[in-house]
Amino acid sequence: MSDTRSLLQNATVYSISNILNAVIPFLLLPILTRVLEPSEYGMLAMFNATLGVLGGFYSFKCSRSSECALCDQTNIDLSRYVALN
């Protein structure tokens, strides 16, 4: 029973965080459209799209290579390793 409860709590936290992640930009939309000109809003949209596409690749590379380096070696300067990769 405790495993089911833990799973339910984790699923609830995950769902709430995903909902908040989607609601915040939606709530900012009227403010941004009032403050920004159409060309500036387009630039913001392109920047966010580029960040979304490239961010996934970059963060995956850093996290996976760091995990592999930590498993392979016991004495590693992680900050230097990440900076060089």
PDB file of N, CA and C in Angstrom:
ATOM      1  N   MET A   1       0.822  -1.190   0.000  1.00  0.00           N
ATOM      2  CA  MET A   1       0.000   0.000   0.000  1.00  0.00           C
ATOM      3  C   MET A   1       0.866   1.253   0.000  1.00  0.00           C
ATOM      4  N   SER A   2       2.018   1.204   0.680  1.00  0.00           N
ATOM      5  CA  SER A   2       2.873   2.381   0.747  1.00  0.00           C
ATOM      6  C   SER A   2       3.510   2.676  -0.614  1.00  0.00           C
ATOM      7  N   ASP A   3       3.811   1.635  -1.406  1.00  0.00           N
ATOM      8  CA  ASP A   3       4.355   1.849  -2.742  1.00  0.00           C
ATOM      9  C   ASP A   3       3.332   2.544  -3.640  1.00  0.00           C
ATOM     10  N   THR A   4       2.086   2.156  -3.524  1.00  0.00           N
ATOM     11  CA  THR A   4       1.031   2.785  -4.317  1.00  0.00           C
ATOM     12  C   THR A   4       0.853   4.241  -3.913  1.00  0.00           C
ATOM     13  N   ARG A   5       0.908   4.500  -2.620  1.00  0.00           N
ATOM     14  CA  ARG A   5       0.760   5.873  -2.144  1.00  0.00           C
ATOM     15  C   ARG A   5       1.940   6.730  -2.604  1.00  0.00           C
ATOM     16  N   SER A   6       3.136   6.193  -2.523  1.00  0.00           N
ATOM     17  CA  SER A   6       4.324   6.916  -2.973  1.00  0.00           C
ATOM     18  C   SER A   6       4.252   7.206  -4.471  1.00  0.00           C
ATOM     19  N   LEU A   7       3.811   6.231  -5.234  1.00  0.00           N
ATOM     20  CA  LEU A   7       3.657   6.419  -6.672  1.00  0.00           C
ATOM     21  C   LEU A   7       2.626   7.496  -6.975  1.00  0.00           C
ATOM     22  N   LEU A   8       1.527   7.487  -6.247  1.00  0.00           N
ATOM     23  CA  LEU A   8       0.482   8.482  -6.438  1.00  0.00           C
ATOM     24  C   LEU A   8       0.978   9.879  -6.077  1.00  0.00           C
ATOM     25  N   GLN A   9       1.730  10.003  -5.007  1.00  0.00           N
ATOM     26  CA  GLN A   9       2.284  11.298  -4.620  1.00  0.00           C
ATOM     27  C   GLN A   9       3.276  11.804  -5.665  1.00  0.00           C
ATOM     28  N   ASN A  10       4.147  10.935  -6.141  1.00  0.00           N
ATOM     29  CA  ASN A  10       5.115  11.330  -7.161  1.00  0.00           C
ATOM     30  C   ASN A  10       4.416  11.730  -8.458  1.00  0.00           C
ATOM     31  N   ALA A  11       3.391  10.998  -8.839  1.00  0.00           N
ATOM     32  CA  ALA A  11       2.643  11.330 -10.049  1.00  0.00           C
ATOM     33  C   ALA A  11       1.920  12.667  -9.899  1.00  0.00           C
ATOM     34  N   THR A  12       1.414  12.939  -8.710  1.00  0.00           N
ATOM     35  CA  THR A  12       0.731  14.209  -8.463  1.00  0.00           C
ATOM     36  C   THR A  12       1.701  15.380  -8.554  1.00  0.00           C
ATOM     37  N   VAL A  13       2.855  15.248  -7.935  1.00  0.00           N
ATOM     38  CA  VAL A  13       3.865  16.312  -7.998  1.00  0.00           C
ATOM     39  C   VAL A  13       4.308  16.534  -9.448  1.00  0.00           C
ATOM     40  N   TYR A  14       4.541  15.462 -10.166  1.00  0.00           N
ATOM     41  CA  TYR A  14       4.959  15.561 -11.566  1.00  0.00           C
ATOM     42  C   TYR A  14       3.880  16.241 -12.401  1.00  0.00           C
ATOM     43  N   SER A  15       2.632  15.871 -12.193  1.00  0.00           N
ATOM     44  CA  SER A  15       1.534  16.467 -12.964  1.00  0.00           C
ATOM     45  C   SER A  15       1.356  17.937 -12.651  1.00  0.00           C
ATOM     46  N   ILE A  16       1.412  18.295 -11.380  1.00  0.00           N
ATOM     47  CA  ILE A  16       1.258  19.698 -10.999  1.00  0.00           C
ATOM     48  C   ILE A  16       2.396  20.540 -11.559  1.00  0.00           C
ATOM     49  N   SER A  17       3.614  20.041 -11.518  1.00  0.00           N
ATOM     50  CA  SER A  17       4.739  20.812 -12.059  1.00  0.00           C
ATOM     51  C   SER A  17       4.622  20.969 -13.571  1.00  0.00           C
ATOM     52  N   ASN A  18       4.160  19.956 -14.270  1.00  0.00           N
ATOM     53  CA  ASN A  18       3.970  20.086 -15.714  1.00  0.00           C
ATOM     54  C   ASN A  18       2.852  21.063 -16.043  1.00  0.00           C
ATOM     55  N   ILE A  19       1.791  21.054 -15.264  1.00  0.00           N
ATOM     56  CA  ILE A  19       0.693  22.004 -15.488  1.00  0.00           C
ATOM     57  C   ILE A  19       1.170  23.425 -15.249  1.00  0.00           C
ATOM     58  N   LEU A  20       1.915  23.654 -14.168  1.00  0.00           N
ATOM     59  CA  LEU A  20       2.444  24.991 -13.901  1.00  0.00           C
ATOM     60  C   LEU A  20       3.413  25.431 -14.991  1.00  0.00           C
ATOM     61  N   ASN A  21       4.193  24.502 -15.486  1.00  0.00           N
ATOM     62  CA  ASN A  21       5.131  24.810 -16.557  1.00  0.00           C
ATOM     63  C   ASN A  21       4.410  25.258 -17.825  1.00  0.00           C
ATOM     64  N   ALA A  22       3.228  24.752 -18.074  1.00  0.00           N
ATOM     65  CA  ALA A  22       2.450  25.139 -19.250  1.00  0.00           C
ATOM     66  C   ALA A  22       1.600  26.372 -18.998  1.00  0.00           C
ATOM     67  N   VAL A  23       1.164  26.592 -17.756  1.00  0.00           N
ATOM     68  CA  VAL A  23       0.254  27.704 -17.453  1.00  0.00           C
ATOM     69  C   VAL A  23       0.984  29.047 -17.396  1.00  0.00           C
ATOM     70  N   ILE A  24       2.203  29.065 -16.899  1.00  0.00           N
ATOM     71  CA  ILE A  24       2.926  30.332 -16.733  1.00  0.00           C
ATOM     72  C   ILE A  24       3.110  31.056 -18.063  1.00  0.00           C
ATOM     73  N   PRO A  25       3.616  30.416 -19.127  1.00  0.00           N
ATOM     74  CA  PRO A  25       3.709  31.141 -20.403  1.00  0.00           C
ATOM     75  C   PRO A  25       2.338  31.561 -20.944  1.00  0.00           C
ATOM     76  N   PHE A  26       1.325  30.746 -20.710  1.00  0.00           N
ATOM     77  CA  PHE A  26      -0.019  31.088 -21.164  1.00  0.00           C
ATOM     78  C   PHE A  26      -0.530  32.341 -20.455  1.00  0.00           C
ATOM     79  N   LEU A  27      -0.242  32.482 -19.175  1.00  0.00           N
ATOM     80  CA  LEU A  27      -0.658  33.670 -18.432  1.00  0.00           C
ATOM     81  C   LEU A  27       0.160  34.905 -18.808  1.00  0.00           C
ATOM     82  N   LEU A  28       1.402  34.709 -19.217  1.00  0.00           N
ATOM     83  CA  LEU A  28       2.241  35.831 -19.646  1.00  0.00           C
ATOM     84  C   LEU A  28       1.930  36.304 -21.059  1.00  0.00           C
ATOM     85  N   LEU A  29       1.215  35.524 -21.823  1.00  0.00           N
ATOM     86  CA  LEU A  29       0.925  35.856 -23.211  1.00  0.00           C
ATOM     87  C   LEU A  29       0.232  37.213 -23.387  1.00  0.00           C
ATOM     88  N   PRO A  30      -0.821  37.547 -22.642  1.00  0.00           N
ATOM     89  CA  PRO A  30      -1.436  38.863 -22.820  1.00  0.00           C
ATOM     90  C   PRO A  30      -0.499  40.021 -22.469  1.00  0.00           C
ATOM     91  N   ILE A  31       0.338  39.822 -21.462  1.00  0.00           N
ATOM     92  CA  ILE A  31       1.284  40.878 -21.073  1.00  0.00           C
ATOM     93  C   ILE A  31       2.318  41.082 -22.169  1.00  0.00           C
ATOM     94  N   LEU A  32       2.860  39.991 -22.683  1.00  0.00           N
ATOM     95  CA  LEU A  32       3.885  40.102 -23.722  1.00  0.00           C
ATOM     96  C   LEU A  32       3.334  40.682 -25.008  1.00  0.00           C
ATOM     97  N   THR A  33       2.126  40.321 -25.384  1.00  0.00           N
ATOM     98  CA  THR A  33       1.559  40.864 -26.620  1.00  0.00           C
ATOM     99  C   THR A  33       1.227  42.348 -26.479  1.00  0.00           C
ATOM    100  N   ARG A  34       0.960  42.815 -25.282  1.00  0.00           N
ATOM    101  CA  ARG A  34       0.694  44.232 -25.069  1.00  0.00           C
ATOM    102  C   ARG A  34       1.985  45.042 -25.045  1.00  0.00           C
ATOM    103  N   VAL A  35       3.050  44.478 -24.491  1.00  0.00           N
ATOM    104  CA  VAL A  35       4.303  45.207 -24.315  1.00  0.00           C
ATOM    105  C   VAL A  35       5.179  45.150 -25.571  1.00  0.00           C
ATOM    106  N   LEU A  36       5.246  44.003 -26.206  1.00  0.00           N
ATOM    107  CA  LEU A  36       6.143  43.822 -27.353  1.00  0.00           C
ATOM    108  C   LEU A  36       5.457  44.149 -28.669  1.00  0.00           C
ATOM    109  N   GLU A  37       6.266  44.632 -29.611  1.00  0.00           N
ATOM    110  CA  GLU A  37       5.772  44.833 -30.982  1.00  0.00           C
ATOM    111  C   GLU A  37       5.742  43.473 -31.672  1.00  0.00           C
ATOM    112  N   PRO A  38       5.005  43.357 -32.774  1.00  0.00           N
ATOM    113  CA  PRO A  38       4.915  42.052 -33.453  1.00  0.00           C
ATOM    114  C   PRO A  38       6.274  41.481 -33.875  1.00  0.00           C
ATOM    115  N   SER A  39       7.177  42.332 -34.351  1.00  0.00           N
ATOM    116  CA  SER A  39       8.489  41.813 -34.756  1.00  0.00           C
ATOM    117  C   SER A  39       9.283  41.325 -33.543  1.00  0.00           C
ATOM    118  N   GLU A  40       9.180  42.029 -32.419  1.00  0.00           N
ATOM    119  CA  GLU A  40       9.872  41.602 -31.213  1.00  0.00           C
ATOM    120  C   GLU A  40       9.271  40.309 -30.654  1.00  0.00           C
ATOM    121  N   TYR A  41       7.972  40.202 -30.756  1.00  0.00           N
ATOM    122  CA  TYR A  41       7.302  38.989 -30.289  1.00  0.00           C
ATOM    123  C   TYR A  41       7.712  37.793 -31.160  1.00  0.00           C
ATOM    124  N   GLY A  42       7.854  38.023 -32.461  1.00  0.00           N
ATOM    125  CA  GLY A  42       8.325  36.966 -33.353  1.00  0.00           C
ATOM    126  C   GLY A  42       9.746  36.537 -33.018  1.00  0.00           C
ATOM    127  N   MET A  43      10.596  37.512 -32.702  1.00  0.00           N
ATOM    128  CA  MET A  43      11.975  37.184 -32.324  1.00  0.00           C
ATOM    129  C   MET A  43      12.006  36.376 -31.025  1.00  0.00           C
ATOM    130  N   LEU A  44      11.147  36.738 -30.083  1.00  0.00           N
ATOM    131  CA  LEU A  44      11.058  35.993 -28.833  1.00  0.00           C
ATOM    132  C   LEU A  44      10.582  34.559 -29.076  1.00  0.00           C
ATOM    133  N   ALA A  45       9.623  34.412 -29.948  1.00  0.00           N
ATOM    134  CA  ALA A  45       9.112  33.073 -30.261  1.00  0.00           C
ATOM    135  C   ALA A  45      10.183  32.222 -30.936  1.00  0.00           C
ATOM    136  N   MET A  46      10.946  32.808 -31.856  1.00  0.00           N
ATOM    137  CA  MET A  46      12.014  32.060 -32.521  1.00  0.00           C
ATOM    138  C   MET A  46      13.127  31.693 -31.540  1.00  0.00           C
ATOM    139  N   PHE A  47      13.437  32.622 -30.647  1.00  0.00           N
ATOM    140  CA  PHE A  47      14.458  32.340 -29.631  1.00  0.00           C
ATOM    141  C   PHE A  47      14.020  31.192 -28.736  1.00  0.00           C
ATOM    142  N   ASN A  48      12.780  31.212 -28.286  1.00  0.00           N
ATOM    143  CA  ASN A  48      12.276  30.137 -27.426  1.00  0.00           C
ATOM    144  C   ASN A  48      12.238  28.797 -28.157  1.00  0.00           C
ATOM    145  N   ALA A  49      11.882  28.817 -29.422  1.00  0.00           N
ATOM    146  CA  ALA A  49      11.858  27.570 -30.192  1.00  0.00           C
ATOM    147  C   ALA A  49      13.272  27.014 -30.365  1.00  0.00           C
ATOM    148  N   THR A  50      14.230  27.887 -30.677  1.00  0.00           N
ATOM    149  CA  THR A  50      15.615  27.460 -30.838  1.00  0.00           C
ATOM    150  C   THR A  50      16.168  26.921 -29.525  1.00  0.00           C
ATOM    151  N   LEU A  51      15.863  27.610 -28.435  1.00  0.00           N
ATOM    152  CA  LEU A  51      16.317  27.171 -27.124  1.00  0.00           C
ATOM    153  C   LEU A  51      15.737  25.814 -26.771  1.00  0.00           C
ATOM    154  N   GLY A  52      14.482  25.600 -27.097  1.00  0.00           N
ATOM    155  CA  GLY A  52      13.853  24.314 -26.806  1.00  0.00           C
ATOM    156  C   GLY A  52      14.474  23.169 -27.577  1.00  0.00           C
ATOM    157  N   VAL A  53      14.801  23.414 -28.837  1.00  0.00           N
ATOM    158  CA  VAL A  53      15.395  22.357 -29.662  1.00  0.00           C
ATOM    159  C   VAL A  53      16.834  22.080 -29.246  1.00  0.00           C
ATOM    160  N   LEU A  54      17.639  23.123 -29.124  1.00  0.00           N
ATOM    161  CA  LEU A  54      19.049  22.932 -28.805  1.00  0.00           C
ATOM    162  C   LEU A  54      19.283  22.588 -27.338  1.00  0.00           C
ATOM    163  N   GLY A  55      18.431  23.075 -26.456  1.00  0.00           N
ATOM    164  CA  GLY A  55      18.603  22.815 -25.031  1.00  0.00           C
ATOM    165  C   GLY A  55      18.523  21.348 -24.687  1.00  0.00           C
ATOM    166  N   GLY A  56      17.659  20.625 -25.349  1.00  0.00           N
ATOM    167  CA  GLY A  56      17.545  19.196 -25.098  1.00  0.00           C
ATOM    168  C   GLY A  56      18.799  18.441 -25.464  1.00  0.00           C
ATOM    169  N   PHE A  57      19.400  18.784 -26.581  1.00  0.00           N
ATOM    170  CA  PHE A  57      20.624  18.115 -27.007  1.00  0.00           C
ATOM    171  C   PHE A  57      21.787  18.456 -26.091  1.00  0.00           C
ATOM    172  N   TYR A  58      21.904  19.733 -25.732  1.00  0.00           N
ATOM    173  CA  TYR A  58      23.036  20.153 -24.918  1.00  0.00           C
ATOM    174  C   TYR A  58      22.947  19.569 -23.509  1.00  0.00           C
ATOM    175  N   SER A  59      21.799  19.653 -22.890  1.00  0.00           N
ATOM    176  CA  SER A  59      21.690  19.158 -21.522  1.00  0.00           C
ATOM    177  C   SER A  59      21.843  17.636 -21.467  1.00  0.00           C
ATOM    178  N   PHE A  60      21.375  16.948 -22.485  1.00  0.00           N
ATOM    179  CA  PHE A  60      21.537  15.495 -22.517  1.00  0.00           C
ATOM    180  C   PHE A  60      23.007  15.123 -22.605  1.00  0.00           C
ATOM    181  N   LYS A  61      23.759  15.842 -23.443  1.00  0.00           N
ATOM    182  CA  LYS A  61      25.178  15.537 -23.615  1.00  0.00           C
ATOM    183  C   LYS A  61      25.935  15.744 -22.312  1.00  0.00           C
ATOM    184  N   CYS A  62      25.698  16.861 -21.647  1.00  0.00           N
ATOM    185  CA  CYS A  62      26.430  17.150 -20.404  1.00  0.00           C
ATOM    186  C   CYS A  62      26.093  16.152 -19.310  1.00  0.00           C
ATOM    187  N   SER A  63      24.825  15.878 -19.130  1.00  0.00           N
ATOM    188  CA  SER A  63      24.462  14.992 -18.028  1.00  0.00           C
ATOM    189  C   SER A  63      24.926  13.560 -18.279  1.00  0.00           C
ATOM    190  N   ARG A  64      24.750  13.073 -19.484  1.00  0.00           N
ATOM    191  CA  ARG A  64      25.148  11.688 -19.766  1.00  0.00           C
ATOM    192  C   ARG A  64      26.660  11.522 -19.725  1.00  0.00           C
ATOM    193  N   SER A  65      27.416  12.459 -20.312  1.00  0.00           N
ATOM    194  CA  SER A  65      28.866  12.309 -20.313  1.00  0.00           C
ATOM    195  C   SER A  65      29.417  12.436 -18.895  1.00  0.00           C
ATOM    196  N   SER A  66      28.810  13.284 -18.066  1.00  0.00           N
ATOM    197  CA  SER A  66      29.257  13.407 -16.673  1.00  0.00           C
ATOM    198  C   SER A  66      28.999  12.124 -15.908  1.00  0.00           C
ATOM    199  N   GLU A  67      27.824  11.535 -16.112  1.00  0.00           N
ATOM    200  CA  GLU A  67      27.515  10.276 -15.439  1.00  0.00           C
ATOM    201  C   GLU A  67      28.481   9.179 -15.860  1.00  0.00           C
ATOM    202  N   CYS A  68      28.784   9.101 -17.137  1.00  0.00           N
ATOM    203  CA  CYS A  68      29.703   8.067 -17.619  1.00  0.00           C
ATOM    204  C   CYS A  68      31.106   8.283 -17.069  1.00  0.00           C
ATOM    205  N   ALA A  69      31.546   9.546 -17.020  1.00  0.00           N
ATOM    206  CA  ALA A  69      32.884   9.830 -16.507  1.00  0.00           C
ATOM    207  C   ALA A  69      32.981   9.508 -15.028  1.00  0.00           C
ATOM    208  N   LEU A  70      31.945   9.785 -14.273  1.00  0.00           N
ATOM    209  CA  LEU A  70      31.972   9.483 -12.844  1.00  0.00           C
ATOM    210  C   LEU A  70      31.967   7.987 -12.583  1.00  0.00           C
ATOM    211  N   CYS A  71      31.285   7.235 -13.426  1.00  0.00           N
ATOM    212  CA  CYS A  71      31.266   5.784 -13.243  1.00  0.00           C
ATOM    213  C   CYS A  71      32.587   5.147 -13.655  1.00  0.00           C
ATOM    214  N   ASP A  72      33.241   5.710 -14.658  1.00  0.00           N
ATOM    215  CA  ASP A  72      34.481   5.123 -15.160  1.00  0.00           C
ATOM    216  C   ASP A  72      35.688   5.426 -14.280  1.00  0.00           C
ATOM    217  N   GLN A  73      35.726   6.631 -13.704  1.00  0.00           N
ATOM    218  CA  GLN A  73      36.903   7.040 -12.944  1.00  0.00           C
ATOM    219  C   GLN A  73      36.484   7.491 -11.544  1.00  0.00           C
ATOM    220  N   THR A  74      37.354   7.244 -10.593  1.00  0.00           N
ATOM    221  CA  THR A  74      37.038   7.673  -9.227  1.00  0.00           C
ATOM    222  C   THR A  74      37.622   9.040  -8.917  1.00  0.00           C
ATOM    223  N   ASN A  75      38.721   9.416  -9.545  1.00  0.00           N
ATOM    224  CA  ASN A  75      39.373  10.685  -9.269  1.00  0.00           C
ATOM    225  C   ASN A  75      39.281  11.557 -10.521  1.00  0.00           C
ATOM    226  N   ILE A  76      38.259  12.397 -10.598  1.00  0.00           N
ATOM    227  CA  ILE A  76      38.042  13.219 -11.776  1.00  0.00           C
ATOM    228  C   ILE A  76      37.656  14.623 -11.338  1.00  0.00           C
ATOM    229  N   ASP A  77      38.203  15.609 -12.055  1.00  0.00           N
ATOM    230  CA  ASP A  77      37.803  17.005 -11.835  1.00  0.00           C
ATOM    231  C   ASP A  77      36.604  17.275 -12.719  1.00  0.00           C
ATOM    232  N   LEU A  78      35.410  17.175 -12.138  1.00  0.00           N
ATOM    233  CA  LEU A  78      34.174  17.234 -12.918  1.00  0.00           C
ATOM    234  C   LEU A  78      33.976  18.583 -13.605  1.00  0.00           C
ATOM    235  N   SER A  79      34.331  19.686 -12.950  1.00  0.00           N
ATOM    236  CA  SER A  79      34.152  20.996 -13.570  1.00  0.00           C
ATOM    237  C   SER A  79      35.030  21.148 -14.811  1.00  0.00           C
ATOM    238  N   ARG A  80      36.257  20.644 -14.742  1.00  0.00           N
ATOM    239  CA  ARG A  80      37.145  20.699 -15.910  1.00  0.00           C
ATOM    240  C   ARG A  80      36.629  19.777 -17.024  1.00  0.00           C
ATOM    241  N   TYR A  81      36.153  18.613 -16.631  1.00  0.00           N
ATOM    242  CA  TYR A  81      35.637  17.656 -17.626  1.00  0.00           C
ATOM    243  C   TYR A  81      34.448  18.233 -18.378  1.00  0.00           C
ATOM    244  N   VAL A  82      33.516  18.865 -17.677  1.00  0.00           N
ATOM    245  CA  VAL A  82      32.340  19.442 -18.325  1.00  0.00           C
ATOM    246  C   VAL A  82      32.738  20.628 -19.193  1.00  0.00           C
ATOM    247  N   ALA A  83      33.699  21.434 -18.742  1.00  0.00           N
ATOM    248  CA  ALA A  83      34.137  22.601 -19.510  1.00  0.00           C
ATOM    249  C   ALA A  83      34.794  22.173 -20.818  1.00  0.00           C
ATOM    250  N   LEU A  84      35.520  21.074 -20.809  1.00  0.00           N
ATOM    251  CA  LEU A  84      36.201  20.617 -22.018  1.00  0.00           C
ATOM    252  C   LEU A  84      35.269  19.889 -22.971  1.00  0.00           C
ATOM    253  N   ASN A  85      34.168  19.381 -22.472  1.00  0.00           N
ATOM    254  CA  ASN A  85      33.229  18.680 -23.349  1.00  0.00           C
ATOM    255  C   ASN A  85      32.138  19.615 -23.690  1.00  0.00           C
TER     256      ASN A  85
END
